[in-house]
Amino acid sequence: MKGILLVLLLVVAIAMIVLGVKLSILPPALTGIGFIIITILFYQRKN
């Protein structure tokens, strides 16, 4: 279950970064980076 959550969070993060870069708006890109950091922390806690 946590594995699916990690993958889904990573996909959303990448989509937000791409959206932010494509439309030249900063908040979605920053949120995407935050989601990647959260994903890394969850992954480290899992192991």
PDB file of N, CA and C in Angstrom:
ATOM      1  N   MET A   1       0.813  -1.192   0.000  1.00  0.00           N
ATOM      2  CA  MET A   1       0.000   0.000   0.000  1.00  0.00           C
ATOM      3  C   MET A   1       0.861   1.262   0.000  1.00  0.00           C
ATOM      4  N   LYS A   2       1.912   1.262   0.849  1.00  0.00           N
ATOM      5  CA  LYS A   2       2.783   2.427   0.891  1.00  0.00           C
ATOM      6  C   LYS A   2       3.540   2.603  -0.413  1.00  0.00           C
ATOM      7  N   GLY A   3       3.856   1.499  -1.072  1.00  0.00           N
ATOM      8  CA  GLY A   3       4.551   1.578  -2.351  1.00  0.00           C
ATOM      9  C   GLY A   3       3.711   2.287  -3.404  1.00  0.00           C
ATOM     10  N   ILE A   4       2.420   1.985  -3.408  1.00  0.00           N
ATOM     11  CA  ILE A   4       1.510   2.638  -4.354  1.00  0.00           C
ATOM     12  C   ILE A   4       1.416   4.125  -4.035  1.00  0.00           C
ATOM     13  N   LEU A   5       1.351   4.457  -2.750  1.00  0.00           N
ATOM     14  CA  LEU A   5       1.307   5.854  -2.333  1.00  0.00           C
ATOM     15  C   LEU A   5       2.565   6.602  -2.779  1.00  0.00           C
ATOM     16  N   LEU A   6       3.720   5.977  -2.619  1.00  0.00           N
ATOM     17  CA  LEU A   6       4.964   6.616  -3.024  1.00  0.00           C
ATOM     18  C   LEU A   6       5.003   6.873  -4.523  1.00  0.00           C
ATOM     19  N   VAL A   7       4.580   5.904  -5.305  1.00  0.00           N
ATOM     20  CA  VAL A   7       4.578   6.061  -6.762  1.00  0.00           C
ATOM     21  C   VAL A   7       3.584   7.139  -7.179  1.00  0.00           C
ATOM     22  N   LEU A   8       2.413   7.128  -6.584  1.00  0.00           N
ATOM     23  CA  LEU A   8       1.402   8.128  -6.915  1.00  0.00           C
ATOM     24  C   LEU A   8       1.872   9.533  -6.536  1.00  0.00           C
ATOM     25  N   LEU A   9       2.480   9.675  -5.382  1.00  0.00           N
ATOM     26  CA  LEU A   9       2.998  10.969  -4.958  1.00  0.00           C
ATOM     27  C   LEU A   9       4.103  11.452  -5.889  1.00  0.00           C
ATOM     28  N   LEU A  10       4.945  10.550  -6.341  1.00  0.00           N
ATOM     29  CA  LEU A  10       6.013  10.905  -7.278  1.00  0.00           C
ATOM     30  C   LEU A  10       5.443  11.330  -8.628  1.00  0.00           C
ATOM     31  N   VAL A  11       4.415  10.648  -9.107  1.00  0.00           N
ATOM     32  CA  VAL A  11       3.791  11.010 -10.384  1.00  0.00           C
ATOM     33  C   VAL A  11       3.151  12.397 -10.300  1.00  0.00           C
ATOM     34  N   VAL A  12       2.457  12.651  -9.188  1.00  0.00           N
ATOM     35  CA  VAL A  12       1.836  13.970  -9.005  1.00  0.00           C
ATOM     36  C   VAL A  12       2.916  15.045  -8.932  1.00  0.00           C
ATOM     37  N   ALA A  13       4.007  14.769  -8.250  1.00  0.00           N
ATOM     38  CA  ALA A  13       5.096  15.738  -8.131  1.00  0.00           C
ATOM     39  C   ALA A  13       5.685  16.070  -9.495  1.00  0.00           C
ATOM     40  N   ILE A  14       5.934  15.062 -10.301  1.00  0.00           N
ATOM     41  CA  ILE A  14       6.498  15.291 -11.632  1.00  0.00           C
ATOM     42  C   ILE A  14       5.519  16.073 -12.501  1.00  0.00           C
ATOM     43  N   ALA A  15       4.241  15.731 -12.411  1.00  0.00           N
ATOM     44  CA  ALA A  15       3.234  16.457 -13.191  1.00  0.00           C
ATOM     45  C   ALA A  15       3.175  17.926 -12.777  1.00  0.00           C
ATOM     46  N   MET A  16       3.274  18.199 -11.486  1.00  0.00           N
ATOM     47  CA  MET A  16       3.222  19.589 -11.031  1.00  0.00           C
ATOM     48  C   MET A  16       4.458  20.364 -11.463  1.00  0.00           C
ATOM     49  N   ILE A  17       5.615  19.723 -11.435  1.00  0.00           N
ATOM     50  CA  ILE A  17       6.835  20.397 -11.884  1.00  0.00           C
ATOM     51  C   ILE A  17       6.746  20.708 -13.373  1.00  0.00           C
ATOM     52  N   VAL A  18       6.303  19.737 -14.161  1.00  0.00           N
ATOM     53  CA  VAL A  18       6.162  19.959 -15.605  1.00  0.00           C
ATOM     54  C   VAL A  18       5.161  21.065 -15.885  1.00  0.00           C
ATOM     55  N   LEU A  19       4.043  21.054 -15.195  1.00  0.00           N
ATOM     56  CA  LEU A  19       3.029  22.095 -15.370  1.00  0.00           C
ATOM     57  C   LEU A  19       3.582  23.466 -15.002  1.00  0.00           C
ATOM     58  N   GLY A  20       4.290  23.548 -13.894  1.00  0.00           N
ATOM     59  CA  GLY A  20       4.862  24.815 -13.463  1.00  0.00           C
ATOM     60  C   GLY A  20       5.892  25.359 -14.433  1.00  0.00           C
ATOM     61  N   VAL A  21       6.733  24.484 -14.955  1.00  0.00           N
ATOM     62  CA  VAL A  21       7.764  24.915 -15.910  1.00  0.00           C
ATOM     63  C   VAL A  21       7.133  25.309 -17.241  1.00  0.00           C
ATOM     64  N   LYS A  22       6.177  24.521 -17.693  1.00  0.00           N
ATOM     65  CA  LYS A  22       5.543  24.776 -18.989  1.00  0.00           C
ATOM     66  C   LYS A  22       4.774  26.099 -19.005  1.00  0.00           C
ATOM     67  N   LEU A  23       4.081  26.412 -17.905  1.00  0.00           N
ATOM     68  CA  LEU A  23       3.290  27.634 -17.838  1.00  0.00           C
ATOM     69  C   LEU A  23       4.049  28.793 -17.185  1.00  0.00           C
ATOM     70  N   SER A  24       5.293  28.555 -16.819  1.00  0.00           N
ATOM     71  CA  SER A  24       6.151  29.561 -16.181  1.00  0.00           C
ATOM     72  C   SER A  24       5.533  30.141 -14.910  1.00  0.00           C
ATOM     73  N   ILE A  25       4.991  29.252 -14.077  1.00  0.00           N
ATOM     74  CA  ILE A  25       4.479  29.685 -12.778  1.00  0.00           C
ATOM     75  C   ILE A  25       5.195  28.889 -11.686  1.00  0.00           C
ATOM     76  N   LEU A  26       5.616  29.580 -10.672  1.00  0.00           N
ATOM     77  CA  LEU A  26       6.485  29.001  -9.654  1.00  0.00           C
ATOM     78  C   LEU A  26       5.780  28.113  -8.619  1.00  0.00           C
ATOM     79  N   PRO A  27       4.603  28.465  -8.104  1.00  0.00           N
ATOM     80  CA  PRO A  27       4.023  27.661  -7.014  1.00  0.00           C
ATOM     81  C   PRO A  27       3.830  26.166  -7.311  1.00  0.00           C
ATOM     82  N   PRO A  28       3.319  25.766  -8.474  1.00  0.00           N
ATOM     83  CA  PRO A  28       3.203  24.319  -8.695  1.00  0.00           C
ATOM     84  C   PRO A  28       4.557  23.616  -8.744  1.00  0.00           C
ATOM     85  N   ALA A  29       5.546  24.286  -9.295  1.00  0.00           N
ATOM     86  CA  ALA A  29       6.879  23.682  -9.353  1.00  0.00           C
ATOM     87  C   ALA A  29       7.446  23.495  -7.949  1.00  0.00           C
ATOM     88  N   LEU A  30       7.275  24.490  -7.101  1.00  0.00           N
ATOM     89  CA  LEU A  30       7.759  24.363  -5.723  1.00  0.00           C
ATOM     90  C   LEU A  30       7.006  23.284  -4.950  1.00  0.00           C
ATOM     91  N   THR A  31       5.719  23.185  -5.181  1.00  0.00           N
ATOM     92  CA  THR A  31       4.931  22.135  -4.534  1.00  0.00           C
ATOM     93  C   THR A  31       5.381  20.760  -5.009  1.00  0.00           C
ATOM     94  N   GLY A  32       5.677  20.637  -6.291  1.00  0.00           N
ATOM     95  CA  GLY A  32       6.191  19.375  -6.825  1.00  0.00           C
ATOM     96  C   GLY A  32       7.504  18.978  -6.180  1.00  0.00           C
ATOM     97  N   ILE A  33       8.384  19.955  -5.981  1.00  0.00           N
ATOM     98  CA  ILE A  33       9.658  19.670  -5.309  1.00  0.00           C
ATOM     99  C   ILE A  33       9.400  19.238  -3.864  1.00  0.00           C
ATOM    100  N   GLY A  34       8.451  19.890  -3.217  1.00  0.00           N
ATOM    101  CA  GLY A  34       8.080  19.495  -1.853  1.00  0.00           C
ATOM    102  C   GLY A  34       7.539  18.073  -1.802  1.00  0.00           C
ATOM    103  N   PHE A  35       6.738  17.706  -2.790  1.00  0.00           N
ATOM    104  CA  PHE A  35       6.210  16.338  -2.846  1.00  0.00           C
ATOM    105  C   PHE A  35       7.334  15.322  -3.039  1.00  0.00           C
ATOM    106  N   ILE A  36       8.338  15.673  -3.825  1.00  0.00           N
ATOM    107  CA  ILE A  36       9.478  14.762  -4.013  1.00  0.00           C
ATOM    108  C   ILE A  36      10.231  14.592  -2.699  1.00  0.00           C
ATOM    109  N   ILE A  37      10.401  15.677  -1.949  1.00  0.00           N
ATOM    110  CA  ILE A  37      11.063  15.578  -0.646  1.00  0.00           C
ATOM    111  C   ILE A  37      10.254  14.697   0.302  1.00  0.00           C
ATOM    112  N   ILE A  38       8.942  14.866   0.317  1.00  0.00           N
ATOM    113  CA  ILE A  38       8.081  14.035   1.157  1.00  0.00           C
ATOM    114  C   ILE A  38       8.183  12.562   0.746  1.00  0.00           C
ATOM    115  N   THR A  39       8.213  12.309  -0.563  1.00  0.00           N
ATOM    116  CA  THR A  39       8.351  10.938  -1.056  1.00  0.00           C
ATOM    117  C   THR A  39       9.652  10.318  -0.577  1.00  0.00           C
ATOM    118  N   ILE A  40      10.738  11.073  -0.653  1.00  0.00           N
ATOM    119  CA  ILE A  40      12.041  10.562  -0.206  1.00  0.00           C
ATOM    120  C   ILE A  40      12.005  10.253   1.290  1.00  0.00           C
ATOM    121  N   LEU A  41      11.402  11.142   2.074  1.00  0.00           N
ATOM    122  CA  LEU A  41      11.319  10.904   3.516  1.00  0.00           C
ATOM    123  C   LEU A  41      10.462   9.682   3.845  1.00  0.00           C
ATOM    124  N   PHE A  42       9.340   9.512   3.160  1.00  0.00           N
ATOM    125  CA  PHE A  42       8.513   8.321   3.369  1.00  0.00           C
ATOM    126  C   PHE A  42       9.272   7.049   2.979  1.00  0.00           C
ATOM    127  N   TYR A  43      10.026   7.123   1.878  1.00  0.00           N
ATOM    128  CA  TYR A  43      10.774   5.947   1.422  1.00  0.00           C
ATOM    129  C   TYR A  43      11.870   5.570   2.441  1.00  0.00           C
ATOM    130  N   GLN A  44      12.553   6.566   2.981  1.00  0.00           N
ATOM    131  CA  GLN A  44      13.582   6.294   3.973  1.00  0.00           C
ATOM    132  C   GLN A  44      12.983   5.717   5.248  1.00  0.00           C
ATOM    133  N   ARG A  45      11.806   6.193   5.626  1.00  0.00           N
ATOM    134  CA  ARG A  45      11.143   5.687   6.825  1.00  0.00           C
ATOM    135  C   ARG A  45      10.675   4.246   6.619  1.00  0.00           C
ATOM    136  N   LYS A  46      10.323   3.925   5.379  1.00  0.00           N
ATOM    137  CA  LYS A  46       9.841   2.584   5.069  1.00  0.00           C
ATOM    138  C   LYS A  46      10.941   1.541   5.233  1.00  0.00           C
ATOM    139  N   ASN A  47      12.159   1.914   4.856  1.00  0.00           N
ATOM    140  CA  ASN A  47      13.287   0.949   4.913  1.00  0.00           C
ATOM    141  C   ASN A  47      13.904   0.874   6.246  1.00  0.00           C
TER     142      ASN A  47
END
